[in-house]
Amino acid sequence: MTSFRLASNLRKFDRKRNEWVDAGTNWYTVSTYRQLAINAVGSVFKGDRVLVTGRLRIREWGDGEKRGVNIDLDADALGHDLSWGKSTFTRSIHSAPVQAVAGPTSHESERDGEDEDENSEESHVGDELEPATPF
């Protein structure tokens, strides 16, 4: 799991001054989990403009005289906003654990022992993946 604070600056056009003015900042706590968290740590840095989709949670809090609202976003997807720059994608390759299956029958084990040398090279075919070529 990883989390970070995301700022969304609000701007509006002031017709009297004929310019854009800041109208405040909304802050969100973005949480990522599992593989998204691992990839986010190596990809997103302070100041990057990002797009996030996920589940929004709004929680009011109070502590004596202080009151406020926390806005949390559990991210399903996270990426760079390409309208502000270019990004390079590198696919993460993960090996999944292999489930054990029942052992061969006595009939199959005799046959497997005879053909072991023939099939030993074939068992490694496809282990290496070629990198994707860009469009």
C-alpha atoms as a PDB file:
ATOM      1  CA  MET A   1       0.000   0.000   0.000  1.00  0.00           C
ATOM      2  CA  THR A   2       1.088   3.549  -0.631  1.00  0.00           C
ATOM      3  CA  SER A   3      -0.656   6.863  -0.223  1.00  0.00           C
ATOM      4  CA  PHE A   4       0.011  10.449  -1.192  1.00  0.00           C
ATOM      5  CA  ARG A   5      -1.689  13.842  -1.038  1.00  0.00           C
ATOM      6  CA  LEU A   6      -3.101  15.213  -4.277  1.00  0.00           C
ATOM      7  CA  ALA A   7      -3.761  18.933  -4.703  1.00  0.00           C
ATOM      8  CA  SER A   8      -6.368  20.243  -7.109  1.00  0.00           C
ATOM      9  CA  ASN A   9      -6.012  23.979  -7.665  1.00  0.00           C
ATOM     10  CA  LEU A  10      -9.181  25.835  -8.520  1.00  0.00           C
ATOM     11  CA  ARG A  11      -8.866  28.854 -10.819  1.00  0.00           C
ATOM     12  CA  LYS A  12     -11.464  31.213 -12.170  1.00  0.00           C
ATOM     13  CA  PHE A  13     -11.443  34.175 -14.492  1.00  0.00           C
ATOM     14  CA  ASP A  14     -11.915  37.542 -12.738  1.00  0.00           C
ATOM     15  CA  ARG A  15     -13.607  39.839 -15.278  1.00  0.00           C
ATOM     16  CA  LYS A  16     -12.920  42.983 -13.236  1.00  0.00           C
ATOM     17  CA  ARG A  17      -9.163  42.337 -13.207  1.00  0.00           C
ATOM     18  CA  ASN A  18      -9.229  40.600 -16.611  1.00  0.00           C
ATOM     19  CA  GLU A  19      -7.044  37.725 -15.386  1.00  0.00           C
ATOM     20  CA  TRP A  20      -7.140  34.233 -13.938  1.00  0.00           C
ATOM     21  CA  VAL A  21      -7.036  34.089 -10.123  1.00  0.00           C
ATOM     22  CA  ASP A  22      -6.563  31.216  -7.688  1.00  0.00           C
ATOM     23  CA  ALA A  23      -9.790  30.249  -5.963  1.00  0.00           C
ATOM     24  CA  GLY A  24      -8.392  27.777  -3.430  1.00  0.00           C
ATOM     25  CA  THR A  25      -7.017  24.268  -3.352  1.00  0.00           C
ATOM     26  CA  ASN A  26      -8.778  20.991  -2.627  1.00  0.00           C
ATOM     27  CA  TRP A  27      -6.659  18.248  -1.048  1.00  0.00           C
ATOM     28  CA  TYR A  28      -7.258  14.527  -1.453  1.00  0.00           C
ATOM     29  CA  THR A  29      -5.527  11.545   0.136  1.00  0.00           C
ATOM     30  CA  VAL A  30      -4.997   8.949  -2.609  1.00  0.00           C
ATOM     31  CA  SER A  31      -4.370   5.338  -1.554  1.00  0.00           C
ATOM     32  CA  THR A  32      -3.098   2.636  -3.895  1.00  0.00           C
ATOM     33  CA  TYR A  33      -2.825  -1.087  -3.224  1.00  0.00           C
ATOM     34  CA  ARG A  34      -1.028  -4.176  -4.515  1.00  0.00           C
ATOM     35  CA  GLN A  35       0.615  -3.865  -7.931  1.00  0.00           C
ATOM     36  CA  LEU A  36      -0.701  -0.337  -8.475  1.00  0.00           C
ATOM     37  CA  ALA A  37       1.132   0.757  -5.323  1.00  0.00           C
ATOM     38  CA  ILE A  38       4.401  -0.849  -6.438  1.00  0.00           C
ATOM     39  CA  ASN A  39       4.211   0.789  -9.869  1.00  0.00           C
ATOM     40  CA  ALA A  40       3.148   4.178  -8.451  1.00  0.00           C
ATOM     41  CA  VAL A  41       6.208   4.373  -6.173  1.00  0.00           C
ATOM     42  CA  GLY A  42       8.561   4.160  -9.150  1.00  0.00           C
ATOM     43  CA  SER A  43       6.487   6.271 -11.534  1.00  0.00           C
ATOM     44  CA  VAL A  44       4.800   9.222  -9.801  1.00  0.00           C
ATOM     45  CA  PHE A  45       6.775  12.023  -8.169  1.00  0.00           C
ATOM     46  CA  LYS A  46       5.994  15.282  -6.396  1.00  0.00           C
ATOM     47  CA  GLY A  47       4.771  17.878  -8.867  1.00  0.00           C
ATOM     48  CA  ASP A  48       3.631  15.376 -11.521  1.00  0.00           C
ATOM     49  CA  ARG A  49       0.216  16.056 -13.010  1.00  0.00           C
ATOM     50  CA  VAL A  50      -1.784  12.865 -12.674  1.00  0.00           C
ATOM     51  CA  LEU A  51      -5.202  11.420 -13.389  1.00  0.00           C
ATOM     52  CA  VAL A  52      -6.778   9.127 -10.801  1.00  0.00           C
ATOM     53  CA  THR A  53      -9.916   7.008 -10.912  1.00  0.00           C
ATOM     54  CA  GLY A  54     -11.331   5.091  -7.997  1.00  0.00           C
ATOM     55  CA  ARG A  55     -13.753   5.183  -5.092  1.00  0.00           C
ATOM     56  CA  LEU A  56     -14.237   8.523  -3.329  1.00  0.00           C
ATOM     57  CA  ARG A  57     -14.919   8.631   0.428  1.00  0.00           C
ATOM     58  CA  ILE A  58     -15.888  11.838   2.220  1.00  0.00           C
ATOM     59  CA  ARG A  59     -15.622  11.794   6.026  1.00  0.00           C
ATOM     60  CA  GLU A  60     -16.465  14.614   8.401  1.00  0.00           C
ATOM     61  CA  TRP A  61     -14.433  14.856  11.581  1.00  0.00           C
ATOM     62  CA  GLY A  62     -14.574  16.914  14.726  1.00  0.00           C
ATOM     63  CA  ASP A  63     -12.198  17.367  17.654  1.00  0.00           C
ATOM     64  CA  GLY A  64     -13.555  19.826  20.189  1.00  0.00           C
ATOM     65  CA  GLU A  65     -13.844  23.164  18.412  1.00  0.00           C
ATOM     66  CA  LYS A  66     -12.076  22.010  15.241  1.00  0.00           C
ATOM     67  CA  ARG A  67     -14.127  20.452  12.485  1.00  0.00           C
ATOM     68  CA  GLY A  68     -13.236  19.393   8.971  1.00  0.00           C
ATOM     69  CA  VAL A  69     -13.735  17.048   6.071  1.00  0.00           C
ATOM     70  CA  ASN A  70     -11.316  14.396   4.832  1.00  0.00           C
ATOM     71  CA  ILE A  71     -11.606  13.365   1.203  1.00  0.00           C
ATOM     72  CA  ASP A  72     -10.002   9.993   0.447  1.00  0.00           C
ATOM     73  CA  LEU A  73      -9.694   8.267  -2.900  1.00  0.00           C
ATOM     74  CA  ASP A  74      -8.995   4.520  -3.141  1.00  0.00           C
ATOM     75  CA  ALA A  75      -7.370   4.394  -6.564  1.00  0.00           C
ATOM     76  CA  ASP A  76      -8.235   1.777  -9.172  1.00  0.00           C
ATOM     77  CA  ALA A  77      -6.056   3.455 -11.820  1.00  0.00           C
ATOM     78  CA  LEU A  78      -3.392   6.153 -11.795  1.00  0.00           C
ATOM     79  CA  GLY A  79      -1.378   7.723 -14.571  1.00  0.00           C
ATOM     80  CA  HIS A  80       0.251  10.857 -15.914  1.00  0.00           C
ATOM     81  CA  ASP A  81      -1.843  13.609 -17.519  1.00  0.00           C
ATOM     82  CA  LEU A  82      -0.486  13.548 -21.071  1.00  0.00           C
ATOM     83  CA  SER A  83      -1.926  16.951 -21.938  1.00  0.00           C
ATOM     84  CA  TRP A  84       1.010  18.390 -19.925  1.00  0.00           C
ATOM     85  CA  GLY A  85       3.848  16.228 -21.232  1.00  0.00           C
ATOM     86  CA  LYS A  86       5.062  12.864 -22.498  1.00  0.00           C
ATOM     87  CA  SER A  87       5.396   9.663 -20.522  1.00  0.00           C
ATOM     88  CA  THR A  88       7.173   6.371 -21.225  1.00  0.00           C
ATOM     89  CA  PHE A  89       5.416   3.119 -20.363  1.00  0.00           C
ATOM     90  CA  THR A  90       7.326   0.071 -19.176  1.00  0.00           C
ATOM     91  CA  ARG A  91       5.284  -3.058 -18.627  1.00  0.00           C
ATOM     92  CA  SER A  92       5.880  -4.907 -15.360  1.00  0.00           C
ATOM     93  CA  ILE A  93       6.178  -8.657 -15.801  1.00  0.00           C
ATOM     94  CA  HIS A  94       5.193 -10.758 -12.825  1.00  0.00           C
ATOM     95  CA  SER A  95       5.429 -14.465 -12.384  1.00  0.00           C
ATOM     96  CA  ALA A  96       2.395 -16.038 -10.792  1.00  0.00           C
ATOM     97  CA  PRO A  97       2.838 -18.896  -8.342  1.00  0.00           C
ATOM     98  CA  VAL A  98       2.268 -22.293  -9.929  1.00  0.00           C
ATOM     99  CA  GLN A  99      -0.399 -24.514  -8.418  1.00  0.00           C
ATOM    100  CA  ALA A 100       0.697 -28.080  -7.679  1.00  0.00           C
ATOM    101  CA  VAL A 101      -1.285 -30.793  -9.426  1.00  0.00           C
ATOM    102  CA  ALA A 102      -1.653 -34.459  -8.618  1.00  0.00           C
ATOM    103  CA  GLY A 103       1.392 -36.535  -9.564  1.00  0.00           C
ATOM    104  CA  PRO A 104       1.418 -38.657 -12.718  1.00  0.00           C
ATOM    105  CA  THR A 105      -0.021 -42.132 -12.682  1.00  0.00           C
ATOM    106  CA  SER A 106       2.403 -45.032 -12.813  1.00  0.00           C
ATOM    107  CA  HIS A 107       1.663 -45.376 -16.531  1.00  0.00           C
ATOM    108  CA  GLU A 108       2.475 -41.686 -17.211  1.00  0.00           C
ATOM    109  CA  SER A 109       5.645 -41.693 -15.098  1.00  0.00           C
ATOM    110  CA  GLU A 110       7.171 -44.495 -17.157  1.00  0.00           C
ATOM    111  CA  ARG A 111       6.463 -42.615 -20.387  1.00  0.00           C
ATOM    112  CA  ASP A 112       7.733 -39.274 -18.963  1.00  0.00           C
ATOM    113  CA  GLY A 113      11.037 -40.853 -17.948  1.00  0.00           C
ATOM    114  CA  GLU A 114      11.663 -42.064 -21.485  1.00  0.00           C
ATOM    115  CA  ASP A 115      10.905 -38.714 -23.186  1.00  0.00           C
ATOM    116  CA  GLU A 116      12.570 -36.427 -20.632  1.00  0.00           C
ATOM    117  CA  ASP A 117      15.554 -35.533 -22.831  1.00  0.00           C
ATOM    118  CA  GLU A 118      13.312 -34.790 -25.827  1.00  0.00           C
ATOM    119  CA  ASN A 119      11.076 -32.332 -23.937  1.00  0.00           C
ATOM    120  CA  SER A 120      13.627 -30.640 -21.671  1.00  0.00           C
ATOM    121  CA  GLU A 121      14.339 -27.816 -24.160  1.00  0.00           C
ATOM    122  CA  GLU A 122      10.646 -27.297 -24.936  1.00  0.00           C
ATOM    123  CA  SER A 123       9.848 -26.623 -21.267  1.00  0.00           C
ATOM    124  CA  HIS A 124      11.744 -23.323 -21.442  1.00  0.00           C
ATOM    125  CA  VAL A 125      10.201 -22.032 -24.665  1.00  0.00           C
ATOM    126  CA  GLY A 126       8.370 -18.771 -24.008  1.00  0.00           C
ATOM    127  CA  ASP A 127      10.125 -17.982 -20.707  1.00  0.00           C
ATOM    128  CA  GLU A 128      11.621 -14.796 -22.181  1.00  0.00           C
ATOM    129  CA  LEU A 129       9.135 -12.150 -23.358  1.00  0.00           C
ATOM    130  CA  GLU A 130      10.032  -9.693 -26.045  1.00  0.00           C
ATOM    131  CA  PRO A 131       9.506  -5.999 -25.269  1.00  0.00           C
ATOM    132  CA  ALA A 132       6.464  -4.375 -26.839  1.00  0.00           C
ATOM    133  CA  THR A 133       7.144  -2.254 -29.892  1.00  0.00           C
ATOM    134  CA  PRO A 134       5.590   1.228 -29.997  1.00  0.00           C
ATOM    135  CA  PHE A 135       2.954   2.071 -32.590  1.00  0.00           C
END
